Protein backbone atom coordinates (compact mmCIF):
# COMPACT_ATOMS: atom_id res chain seq x y z
CA UNK A 1 10.57 -21.23 -43.43
CA UNK A 2 8.42 -23.59 -41.31
CA UNK A 3 9.29 -23.84 -37.63
CA UNK A 4 8.44 -26.14 -34.75
CA UNK A 5 6.27 -24.61 -32.00
CA UNK A 6 7.82 -24.70 -28.49
CA UNK A 7 6.75 -23.64 -25.04
CA UNK A 8 8.91 -22.49 -22.08
CA UNK A 9 7.88 -23.21 -18.36
CA UNK A 10 9.78 -20.81 -16.17
CA UNK A 11 10.15 -17.15 -16.37
CA UNK A 12 13.33 -16.63 -14.66
CA UNK A 13 16.70 -15.90 -16.10
CA UNK A 14 17.13 -19.40 -17.86
CA UNK A 15 13.48 -19.21 -19.41
CA UNK A 16 14.12 -15.63 -20.59
CA UNK A 17 17.54 -16.46 -22.06
CA UNK A 18 15.80 -19.50 -23.93
CA UNK A 19 13.27 -17.07 -25.15
CA UNK A 20 15.97 -14.73 -26.89
CA UNK A 21 17.73 -17.76 -28.13
CA UNK A 22 14.62 -19.21 -29.90
CA UNK A 23 13.95 -15.80 -31.37
CA UNK A 24 17.11 -16.42 -33.33
CA UNK A 25 16.48 -19.85 -34.37
CA UNK A 26 15.75 -20.88 -37.90
CA UNK A 27 13.72 -24.09 -36.64
CA UNK A 28 12.00 -22.92 -33.49
CA UNK A 29 9.13 -20.57 -32.56
CA UNK A 30 8.00 -19.81 -29.11
CA UNK A 31 4.30 -20.16 -28.78
CA UNK A 32 3.83 -20.14 -25.01
CA UNK A 33 5.94 -18.48 -22.26
CA UNK A 34 4.55 -19.42 -18.93
CA UNK A 35 5.47 -19.17 -15.29
CA UNK A 36 3.86 -18.09 -11.93
CA UNK A 37 5.09 -14.62 -11.45
CA UNK A 38 3.32 -11.97 -13.36
CA UNK A 39 6.08 -9.21 -12.59
CA UNK A 40 8.92 -11.29 -13.60
CA UNK A 41 11.32 -9.86 -16.12
CA UNK A 42 10.47 -12.80 -18.31
CA UNK A 43 6.85 -11.93 -18.68
CA UNK A 44 7.46 -8.46 -19.27
CA UNK A 45 10.04 -9.62 -22.08
CA UNK A 46 7.35 -11.92 -23.69
CA UNK A 47 4.82 -9.03 -23.61
CA UNK A 48 7.24 -6.85 -25.52
CA UNK A 49 8.10 -9.53 -27.96
CA UNK A 50 4.33 -10.35 -28.66
CA UNK A 51 4.73 -13.80 -27.42
CA UNK A 52 1.63 -15.60 -25.87
CA UNK A 53 2.18 -15.69 -22.17
CA UNK A 54 0.48 -17.07 -18.90
CA UNK A 55 0.85 -17.11 -15.27
CA UNK A 56 -0.76 -20.54 -15.00
CA UNK A 57 2.61 -22.52 -15.32
CA UNK A 58 2.10 -26.00 -16.73
CA UNK A 59 -1.71 -25.55 -16.48
CA UNK A 60 -1.50 -23.16 -19.53
CA UNK A 61 -0.27 -25.97 -21.67
CA UNK A 62 -2.68 -28.53 -20.21
CA UNK A 63 -5.44 -26.01 -21.33
CA UNK A 64 -3.94 -25.64 -24.65
CA UNK A 65 -1.95 -28.85 -25.58
CA UNK A 66 -1.78 -27.92 -29.25
CA UNK A 67 0.15 -24.83 -28.60
CA UNK A 68 3.38 -26.74 -28.87
CA UNK A 69 5.44 -29.91 -29.65
CA UNK A 70 8.48 -29.16 -27.57
CA UNK A 71 8.50 -27.89 -24.04
CA UNK A 72 11.50 -26.54 -22.13
CA UNK A 73 11.16 -26.93 -18.27
CA UNK A 74 13.21 -24.26 -16.59
CA UNK A 75 11.62 -24.48 -13.24
CA UNK A 76 13.21 -26.34 -10.50
CA UNK A 77 14.07 -29.91 -9.76
CA UNK A 78 10.87 -30.31 -7.54
CA UNK A 79 8.45 -28.63 -9.97
CA UNK A 80 9.79 -30.90 -12.93
CA UNK A 81 9.04 -33.92 -10.87
CA UNK A 82 5.25 -32.74 -10.81
CA UNK A 83 5.36 -31.52 -14.48
CA UNK A 84 7.07 -34.58 -15.98
CA UNK A 85 4.14 -37.02 -16.11
CA UNK A 86 1.72 -34.35 -17.29
CA UNK A 87 4.06 -33.59 -20.20
CA UNK A 88 4.43 -37.21 -20.85
CA UNK A 89 0.66 -37.61 -21.02
CA UNK A 90 0.46 -34.81 -23.35
CA UNK A 91 2.96 -36.40 -25.65
CA UNK A 92 5.48 -33.45 -25.57
CA UNK A 93 9.02 -33.71 -26.23
CA UNK A 94 10.50 -32.50 -23.08
CA UNK A 95 13.75 -30.81 -22.24
CA UNK A 96 14.42 -30.41 -18.52
CA UNK A 97 16.80 -27.82 -17.57
CA UNK A 98 16.67 -28.62 -14.04
CA UNK A 99 18.74 -31.36 -12.18
CA UNK A 100 15.63 -33.49 -11.51
CA UNK A 101 17.31 -36.39 -13.23
CA UNK A 102 14.13 -38.01 -14.44
CA UNK A 103 14.74 -38.22 -18.14
CA UNK A 104 17.79 -39.55 -20.24
CA UNK A 105 20.87 -37.40 -19.49
CA UNK A 106 22.22 -35.53 -22.40
CA UNK A 107 25.41 -33.88 -23.21
CA UNK A 108 25.02 -32.79 -26.98
CA UNK A 109 28.53 -33.32 -27.87
CA UNK A 110 28.37 -36.90 -26.42
CA UNK A 111 25.06 -38.42 -27.19
CA UNK A 112 22.82 -35.89 -28.85
CA UNK A 113 21.50 -38.31 -31.59
CA UNK A 114 20.34 -40.99 -29.16
CA UNK A 115 18.41 -38.51 -27.30
CA UNK A 116 16.13 -37.36 -30.04
CA UNK A 117 13.74 -40.09 -29.79
CA UNK A 118 13.43 -39.95 -25.99
CA UNK A 119 10.27 -38.28 -24.26
CA UNK A 120 12.20 -36.50 -21.69
CA UNK A 121 15.67 -35.49 -21.84
CA UNK A 122 17.62 -34.10 -18.89
CA UNK A 123 20.28 -31.29 -19.44
CA UNK A 124 22.13 -32.42 -16.30
CA UNK A 125 23.47 -29.35 -14.95
CA UNK A 126 25.58 -26.30 -16.11
CA UNK A 127 28.67 -27.81 -14.39
CA UNK A 128 27.70 -30.98 -16.12
CA UNK A 129 27.53 -29.60 -19.55
CA UNK A 130 30.85 -27.86 -19.11
CA UNK A 131 33.03 -30.74 -17.40
CA UNK A 132 31.34 -33.95 -18.32
CA UNK A 133 32.79 -33.69 -21.95
CA UNK A 134 36.21 -33.25 -20.68
CA UNK A 135 35.92 -36.24 -18.17
CA UNK A 136 34.71 -38.15 -21.14
CA UNK A 137 37.71 -37.04 -23.29
CA UNK A 138 40.13 -38.27 -20.69
CA UNK A 139 38.21 -41.64 -20.11
CA UNK A 140 38.31 -42.23 -23.86
CA UNK A 141 42.18 -42.12 -23.90
CA UNK A 142 42.35 -43.85 -20.50
CA UNK A 143 39.24 -45.93 -19.61
CA UNK A 144 41.14 -47.28 -16.56
CA UNK A 145 40.95 -43.88 -14.90
CA UNK A 146 40.31 -44.38 -11.09
CA UNK A 147 38.96 -41.11 -9.82
CA UNK A 148 37.36 -37.95 -11.39
CA UNK A 149 36.58 -34.69 -9.49
CA UNK A 150 35.09 -31.36 -10.94
CA UNK A 151 34.95 -28.09 -9.24
CA UNK A 152 32.46 -25.45 -10.78
CA UNK A 153 33.00 -22.02 -9.95
CA UNK A 154 30.45 -19.45 -11.00
CA UNK A 155 29.73 -15.73 -10.04
CA UNK A 156 27.39 -15.41 -7.11
CA UNK A 157 25.21 -13.00 -9.13
CA UNK A 158 24.60 -15.63 -11.87
CA UNK A 159 23.06 -18.08 -9.39
CA UNK A 160 19.45 -17.32 -8.89
CA UNK A 161 17.01 -18.77 -6.47
CA UNK A 162 16.54 -21.77 -8.63
CA UNK A 163 20.34 -22.64 -8.55
CA UNK A 164 20.45 -21.92 -4.90
CA UNK A 165 17.48 -24.13 -4.15
CA UNK A 166 19.06 -26.97 -6.12
CA UNK A 167 22.65 -27.11 -4.71
CA UNK A 168 22.22 -30.62 -3.50
CA UNK A 169 20.59 -31.74 -6.69
CA UNK A 170 23.30 -30.12 -8.68
CA UNK A 171 26.16 -31.82 -7.05
CA UNK A 172 24.40 -35.15 -7.09
CA UNK A 173 23.32 -35.12 -10.64
CA UNK A 174 26.63 -33.86 -11.85
CA UNK A 175 28.33 -36.59 -9.90
CA UNK A 176 26.02 -39.13 -11.64
CA UNK A 177 26.64 -37.69 -15.00
CA UNK A 178 30.38 -37.81 -14.56
CA UNK A 179 30.23 -41.54 -13.67
CA UNK A 180 27.78 -42.28 -16.31
CA UNK A 181 29.39 -40.65 -19.25
CA UNK A 182 33.09 -41.50 -18.29
CA UNK A 183 32.56 -44.92 -16.94
CA UNK A 184 34.54 -44.01 -13.80
CA UNK A 185 32.73 -45.02 -10.67
CA UNK A 186 34.45 -42.78 -8.19
CA UNK A 187 33.44 -39.20 -8.91
CA UNK A 188 32.86 -36.06 -7.02
CA UNK A 189 31.19 -32.73 -7.98
CA UNK A 190 31.61 -29.21 -6.11
CA UNK A 191 29.92 -25.90 -6.83
CA UNK A 192 31.45 -22.69 -5.65
CA UNK A 193 29.55 -19.36 -5.66
CA UNK A 194 32.11 -16.60 -5.84
CA UNK A 195 30.87 -13.20 -4.75
CA UNK A 196 33.82 -11.17 -6.36
CA UNK A 197 33.22 -7.86 -8.10
CA UNK A 198 33.20 -7.53 -10.86
CA UNK A 199 31.65 -10.95 -11.29
CA UNK A 200 33.75 -13.73 -12.52
CA UNK A 201 33.10 -15.87 -15.53
CA UNK A 202 32.31 -19.67 -15.18
CA UNK A 203 35.38 -21.80 -14.66
CA UNK A 204 35.40 -25.55 -14.19
CA UNK A 205 38.46 -27.32 -12.95
CA UNK A 206 38.65 -31.12 -13.61
CA UNK A 207 40.86 -33.57 -11.85
CA UNK A 208 41.46 -37.08 -12.95
CA UNK A 209 43.73 -39.91 -11.35
CA UNK A 210 45.31 -41.83 -14.15
CA UNK A 211 48.47 -43.96 -13.86
CA UNK A 212 51.18 -43.15 -16.73
CA UNK A 213 48.85 -40.97 -18.73
CA UNK A 214 49.50 -40.32 -22.54
CA UNK A 215 49.28 -36.52 -22.16
CA UNK A 216 49.61 -35.93 -25.86
CA UNK A 217 46.52 -38.00 -26.69
CA UNK A 218 44.56 -36.53 -23.83
CA UNK A 219 45.50 -32.95 -24.99
CA UNK A 220 44.43 -33.93 -28.56
CA UNK A 221 41.14 -35.32 -27.34
CA UNK A 222 40.36 -32.40 -25.19
CA UNK A 223 40.88 -29.81 -27.79
CA UNK A 224 38.79 -32.08 -30.25
CA UNK A 225 35.99 -31.87 -27.71
CA UNK A 226 36.43 -28.23 -27.15
CA UNK A 227 35.98 -27.34 -30.89
CA UNK A 228 32.92 -29.57 -31.18
CA UNK A 229 31.34 -27.85 -28.23
CA UNK A 230 32.11 -24.39 -29.73
CA UNK A 231 29.78 -25.10 -32.48
CA UNK A 232 26.84 -24.64 -30.19
CA UNK A 233 28.51 -22.93 -27.17
CA UNK A 234 30.96 -20.25 -28.81
CA UNK A 235 32.13 -19.10 -25.50
CA UNK A 236 33.43 -22.45 -24.43
CA UNK A 237 37.17 -22.60 -24.11
CA UNK A 238 40.07 -24.54 -22.45
CA UNK A 239 41.58 -22.25 -19.94
CA UNK A 240 44.33 -24.71 -18.59
CA UNK A 241 45.58 -27.28 -20.87
CA UNK A 242 45.88 -30.71 -19.38
CA UNK A 243 48.90 -30.96 -17.10
CA UNK A 244 50.12 -33.86 -15.00
CA UNK A 245 51.66 -33.68 -11.59
CA UNK A 246 51.64 -35.28 -8.41
CA UNK A 247 49.84 -38.41 -9.78
CA UNK A 248 46.95 -36.51 -11.11
CA UNK A 249 45.74 -34.79 -14.34
CA UNK A 250 44.53 -31.14 -14.03
CA UNK A 251 42.61 -29.10 -16.73
CA UNK A 252 40.21 -26.09 -16.66
CA UNK A 253 37.49 -24.85 -19.02
CA UNK A 254 35.65 -21.53 -18.98
CA UNK A 255 32.43 -20.30 -20.54
CA UNK A 256 31.54 -16.83 -21.57
CA UNK A 257 28.09 -16.12 -22.18
CA UNK A 258 26.72 -14.82 -25.56
CA UNK A 259 24.93 -12.12 -23.97
CA UNK A 260 21.38 -12.86 -25.54
CA UNK A 261 19.67 -11.99 -22.26
CA UNK A 262 22.25 -12.60 -19.35
CA UNK A 263 25.41 -10.57 -18.82
CA UNK A 264 28.42 -12.42 -20.51
CA UNK A 265 29.68 -13.47 -17.02
CA UNK A 266 26.75 -15.91 -16.55
CA UNK A 267 28.21 -18.38 -18.93
CA UNK A 268 27.06 -21.05 -16.46
CA UNK A 269 23.39 -20.39 -17.47
CA UNK A 270 24.31 -19.80 -21.11
CA UNK A 271 25.94 -23.29 -21.62
CA UNK A 272 22.82 -24.97 -20.50
CA UNK A 273 20.42 -22.94 -22.69
CA UNK A 274 22.79 -23.43 -25.67
CA UNK A 275 22.78 -27.21 -25.08
CA UNK A 276 19.01 -27.23 -24.83
CA UNK A 277 18.48 -25.19 -28.15
CA UNK A 278 20.79 -27.55 -29.80
CA UNK A 279 18.86 -30.62 -28.80
CA UNK A 280 15.66 -28.81 -29.70
CA UNK A 281 16.85 -27.86 -33.17
CA UNK A 282 18.15 -31.28 -34.01
CA UNK A 283 14.67 -32.63 -33.00
CA UNK A 284 12.91 -30.00 -35.02
CA UNK A 285 15.13 -30.70 -38.21
CA UNK A 286 14.18 -34.35 -38.05
CA UNK A 287 10.54 -33.40 -37.70
CA UNK A 288 10.47 -30.87 -40.52
CA UNK A 289 12.39 -33.18 -42.92
CA UNK A 290 9.95 -35.95 -42.11
CA UNK A 291 6.88 -33.89 -43.19
């Protein structure tokens, strides 16, 4: 079966997890794995898998632009600001897994189809992928919702240097995504790194202020969204069904990673790589069908 060739920039945990997921894909083939650290686990993994690799980061794609149609950028927000115009000039369909917030924000369960024709697609953040759909579900039932807040709690061990260096971008981009997709202007995002041992799995708690909410409709919509997300993130589950008390709705979701490269507790990384693969496969299917 024919596959669309892709490149990954970033040889850390997210890049390595993408590599393992692409290996399982029916529609994608990794033809370049590039970063800057020759001693990274990702480079070692690429060597073992026989994947073309480089330590020249985006320059490897500039020197060989025919190596791919899709590029996953799993570097950092600041690095993607540099990479984005280069990838645009090369005509690459770019999936940005950093919170740079340059391209069109995409949460597949909400707006996958409209993102396929974009040049640069932003995966928001791990917390955004987990919590924005729930905020969206609540706002679909109650568009008059006046406030939404999310608290994303992840294992400290699952937060690498990229995550830690992008905390400010994480909170701001997640906040913007909450407002954009829910239509609620007043939003807030918090991230908590929990050092507990054994490491905890990702958990996102969503709060919403709504007057006289229709809780039955909200529960139905939340579980509908949950089932749709599980098609591409199997470990996504509602942990606390929506409840209403003291004038606010509270609900909580968790993500157990699939264990492709990272430990199962790193669901925060798994959800964003799963979402990126979902978008890439949708794009690839359209391209392959048109040929």
